[in-house]
Amino acid sequence: MSVLRKVEIYLRSNNMPETRFGRLAMNDPRLVRDLRNGREPGARTAARIEAFIRGGTSR
C-alpha cells in the first residue's frame, strides 16, 4: 500500500485535517497536498510518516 493511501486512511479514521497531519508527522503543513500532487517521499520520509501513523514518534 502506498504512503499516500495509508495517510488518506489515517486522516479519515482520525478525522484529522491534512495540514495538522503534516505538521505533526513532518513539520510540513503541505505534506499531504504535495503527496496528492505526485510528490514521492524518500525512504526516510516514508519511514517517519509510517512511524507517526503507527503511533510512534515522527523523529
Protein backbone atom coordinates (compact mmCIF):
# COMPACT_ATOMS: atom_id res chain seq x y z
CA MET A 1 0.00 0.00 0.00
CA SER A 2 1.34 3.44 -0.89
CA VAL A 3 2.26 6.01 1.73
CA LEU A 4 -0.43 8.32 0.37
CA ARG A 5 -3.08 5.62 0.75
CA LYS A 6 -2.00 4.98 4.36
CA VAL A 7 -2.17 8.71 5.06
CA GLU A 8 -5.63 9.01 3.49
CA ILE A 9 -6.93 6.13 5.62
CA TYR A 10 -5.38 7.66 8.75
CA LEU A 11 -6.92 11.06 8.03
CA ARG A 12 -10.40 9.59 7.56
CA SER A 13 -10.13 7.29 10.57
CA ASN A 14 -8.98 10.07 12.87
CA ASN A 15 -10.98 12.93 11.36
CA MET A 16 -7.76 14.93 11.11
CA PRO A 17 -7.18 17.84 8.74
CA GLU A 18 -4.38 17.28 6.24
CA THR A 19 -2.38 20.28 7.42
CA ARG A 20 -2.40 19.10 11.03
CA PHE A 21 -1.19 15.66 9.99
CA GLY A 22 1.65 17.19 8.00
CA ARG A 23 2.69 19.43 10.87
CA LEU A 24 2.62 16.64 13.44
CA ALA A 25 4.25 13.98 11.28
CA MET A 26 6.87 16.02 9.42
CA ASN A 27 6.56 19.67 10.47
CA ASP A 28 5.30 20.33 6.93
CA PRO A 29 1.69 21.53 6.64
CA ARG A 30 1.78 20.99 2.84
CA LEU A 31 2.90 17.35 3.07
CA VAL A 32 -0.43 15.71 2.23
CA ARG A 33 -1.24 18.17 -0.55
CA ASP A 34 2.20 17.57 -2.05
CA LEU A 35 1.73 13.78 -1.84
CA ARG A 36 -1.64 14.12 -3.56
CA ASN A 37 0.03 16.17 -6.29
CA GLY A 38 2.59 13.47 -7.01
CA ARG A 39 5.39 14.04 -4.51
CA GLU A 40 7.25 10.78 -3.93
CA PRO A 41 8.65 10.63 -0.40
CA GLY A 42 12.14 9.30 0.12
CA ALA A 43 12.76 6.25 2.28
CA ARG A 44 13.45 8.26 5.46
CA THR A 45 10.42 10.48 4.95
CA ALA A 46 8.18 7.48 4.29
CA ALA A 47 9.52 5.79 7.43
CA ARG A 48 8.77 8.87 9.54
CA ILE A 49 5.24 9.12 8.15
CA GLU A 50 4.58 5.43 8.77
CA ALA A 51 6.01 5.66 12.32
CA PHE A 52 3.64 8.53 13.05
CA ILE A 53 0.69 6.55 11.69
CA ARG A 54 1.65 3.54 13.85
CA GLY A 55 1.62 5.81 16.87
CA GLY A 56 5.34 6.22 17.26
CA THR A 57 7.23 9.44 17.19
CA SER A 58 7.95 11.22 13.97
CA ARG A 59 11.61 11.74 14.86
